[in-house]
Amino acid sequence: YLLKERPDDSMLLRLVTHIMDFIGNY
């Protein structure tokens, strides 16, 4: 997985991870 090649995907991945963590708190 080339995060350095796709910075946009990296940001999206962080966003999705944050959302999943937020949902997981419920």
PDB file of N, CA and C in Angstrom:
ATOM      1  N   TYR A   1       0.861  -1.192   0.000  1.00  0.00           N
ATOM      2  CA  TYR A   1       0.000   0.000   0.000  1.00  0.00           C
ATOM      3  C   TYR A   1       0.891   1.233   0.000  1.00  0.00           C
ATOM      4  N   LEU A   2       0.794   2.026  -1.060  1.00  0.00           N
ATOM      5  CA  LEU A   2       1.691   3.180  -1.208  1.00  0.00           C
ATOM      6  C   LEU A   2       0.998   4.461  -0.739  1.00  0.00           C
ATOM      7  N   LEU A   3       1.133   4.745   0.554  1.00  0.00           N
ATOM      8  CA  LEU A   3       0.526   5.962   1.090  1.00  0.00           C
ATOM      9  C   LEU A   3       1.256   7.198   0.577  1.00  0.00           C
ATOM     10  N   LYS A   4       2.588   7.084   0.441  1.00  0.00           N
ATOM     11  CA  LYS A   4       3.385   8.225  -0.015  1.00  0.00           C
ATOM     12  C   LYS A   4       3.050   8.584  -1.458  1.00  0.00           C
ATOM     13  N   GLU A   5       2.623   7.568  -2.234  1.00  0.00           N
ATOM     14  CA  GLU A   5       2.273   7.818  -3.630  1.00  0.00           C
ATOM     15  C   GLU A   5       0.891   8.471  -3.736  1.00  0.00           C
ATOM     16  N   ARG A   6       0.058   8.186  -2.745  1.00  0.00           N
ATOM     17  CA  ARG A   6      -1.312   8.713  -2.782  1.00  0.00           C
ATOM     18  C   ARG A   6      -1.668   9.397  -1.466  1.00  0.00           C
ATOM     19  N   PRO A   7      -1.208  10.636  -1.263  1.00  0.00           N
ATOM     20  CA  PRO A   7      -1.488  11.365  -0.028  1.00  0.00           C
ATOM     21  C   PRO A   7      -2.990  11.553   0.212  1.00  0.00           C
ATOM     22  N   ASP A   8      -3.759  11.679  -0.887  1.00  0.00           N
ATOM     23  CA  ASP A   8      -5.202  11.849  -0.754  1.00  0.00           C
ATOM     24  C   ASP A   8      -5.830  10.605  -0.119  1.00  0.00           C
ATOM     25  N   ASP A   9      -5.343   9.421  -0.548  1.00  0.00           N
ATOM     26  CA  ASP A   9      -5.861   8.175   0.007  1.00  0.00           C
ATOM     27  C   ASP A   9      -5.502   8.088   1.482  1.00  0.00           C
ATOM     28  N   SER A  10      -4.324   8.604   1.836  1.00  0.00           N
ATOM     29  CA  SER A  10      -3.884   8.552   3.222  1.00  0.00           C
ATOM     30  C   SER A  10      -4.811   9.400   4.087  1.00  0.00           C
ATOM     31  N   MET A  11      -5.156  10.586   3.592  1.00  0.00           N
ATOM     32  CA  MET A  11      -6.056  11.470   4.332  1.00  0.00           C
ATOM     33  C   MET A  11      -7.430  10.830   4.452  1.00  0.00           C
ATOM     34  N   LEU A  12      -7.880  10.205   3.361  1.00  0.00           N
ATOM     35  CA  LEU A  12      -9.188   9.549   3.364  1.00  0.00           C
ATOM     36  C   LEU A  12      -9.188   8.394   4.354  1.00  0.00           C
ATOM     37  N   LEU A  13      -8.083   7.652   4.375  1.00  0.00           N
ATOM     38  CA  LEU A  13      -7.978   6.516   5.287  1.00  0.00           C
ATOM     39  C   LEU A  13      -8.043   6.995   6.732  1.00  0.00           C
ATOM     40  N   ARG A  14      -7.364   8.092   7.028  1.00  0.00           N
ATOM     41  CA  ARG A  14      -7.388   8.641   8.390  1.00  0.00           C
ATOM     42  C   ARG A  14      -8.797   9.086   8.752  1.00  0.00           C
ATOM     43  N   LEU A  15      -9.483   9.698   7.781  1.00  0.00           N
ATOM     44  CA  LEU A  15     -10.847  10.169   8.014  1.00  0.00           C
ATOM     45  C   LEU A  15     -11.777   8.999   8.301  1.00  0.00           C
ATOM     46  N   VAL A  16     -11.676   7.947   7.471  1.00  0.00           N
ATOM     47  CA  VAL A  16     -12.511   6.759   7.654  1.00  0.00           C
ATOM     48  C   VAL A  16     -12.218   6.109   9.007  1.00  0.00           C
ATOM     49  N   THR A  17     -10.928   6.035   9.359  1.00  0.00           N
ATOM     50  CA  THR A  17     -10.547   5.432  10.635  1.00  0.00           C
ATOM     51  C   THR A  17     -11.139   6.240  11.786  1.00  0.00           C
ATOM     52  N   HIS A  18     -11.108   7.556  11.675  1.00  0.00           N
ATOM     53  CA  HIS A  18     -11.650   8.429  12.715  1.00  0.00           C
ATOM     54  C   HIS A  18     -13.158   8.224  12.844  1.00  0.00           C
ATOM     55  N   ILE A  19     -13.834   8.138  11.695  1.00  0.00           N
ATOM     56  CA  ILE A  19     -15.290   7.941  11.695  1.00  0.00           C
ATOM     57  C   ILE A  19     -15.643   6.581  12.308  1.00  0.00           C
ATOM     58  N   MET A  20     -14.898   5.544  11.924  1.00  0.00           N
ATOM     59  CA  MET A  20     -15.159   4.212  12.459  1.00  0.00           C
ATOM     60  C   MET A  20     -14.946   4.188  13.967  1.00  0.00           C
ATOM     61  N   ASP A  21     -13.927   4.891  14.441  1.00  0.00           N
ATOM     62  CA  ASP A  21     -13.645   4.956  15.874  1.00  0.00           C
ATOM     63  C   ASP A  21     -14.775   5.706  16.576  1.00  0.00           C
ATOM     64  N   PHE A  22     -15.276   6.774  15.939  1.00  0.00           N
ATOM     65  CA  PHE A  22     -16.365   7.562  16.507  1.00  0.00           C
ATOM     66  C   PHE A  22     -17.624   6.705  16.627  1.00  0.00           C
ATOM     67  N   ILE A  23     -17.933   5.947  15.561  1.00  0.00           N
ATOM     68  CA  ILE A  23     -19.104   5.063  15.556  1.00  0.00           C
ATOM     69  C   ILE A  23     -18.919   3.952  16.594  1.00  0.00           C
ATOM     70  N   GLY A  24     -17.680   3.482  16.727  1.00  0.00           N
ATOM     71  CA  GLY A  24     -17.394   2.403  17.665  1.00  0.00           C
ATOM     72  C   GLY A  24     -17.644   2.806  19.115  1.00  0.00           C
ATOM     73  N   ASN A  25     -17.617   4.120  19.386  1.00  0.00           N
ATOM     74  CA  ASN A  25     -17.842   4.593  20.755  1.00  0.00           C
ATOM     75  C   ASN A  25     -19.292   4.408  21.178  1.00  0.00           C
ATOM     76  N   TYR A  26     -20.183   4.224  20.203  1.00  0.00           N
ATOM     77  CA  TYR A  26     -21.583   3.977  20.533  1.00  0.00           C
ATOM     78  C   TYR A  26     -21.720   2.491  20.818  1.00  0.00           C
TER      79      TYR A  26
END
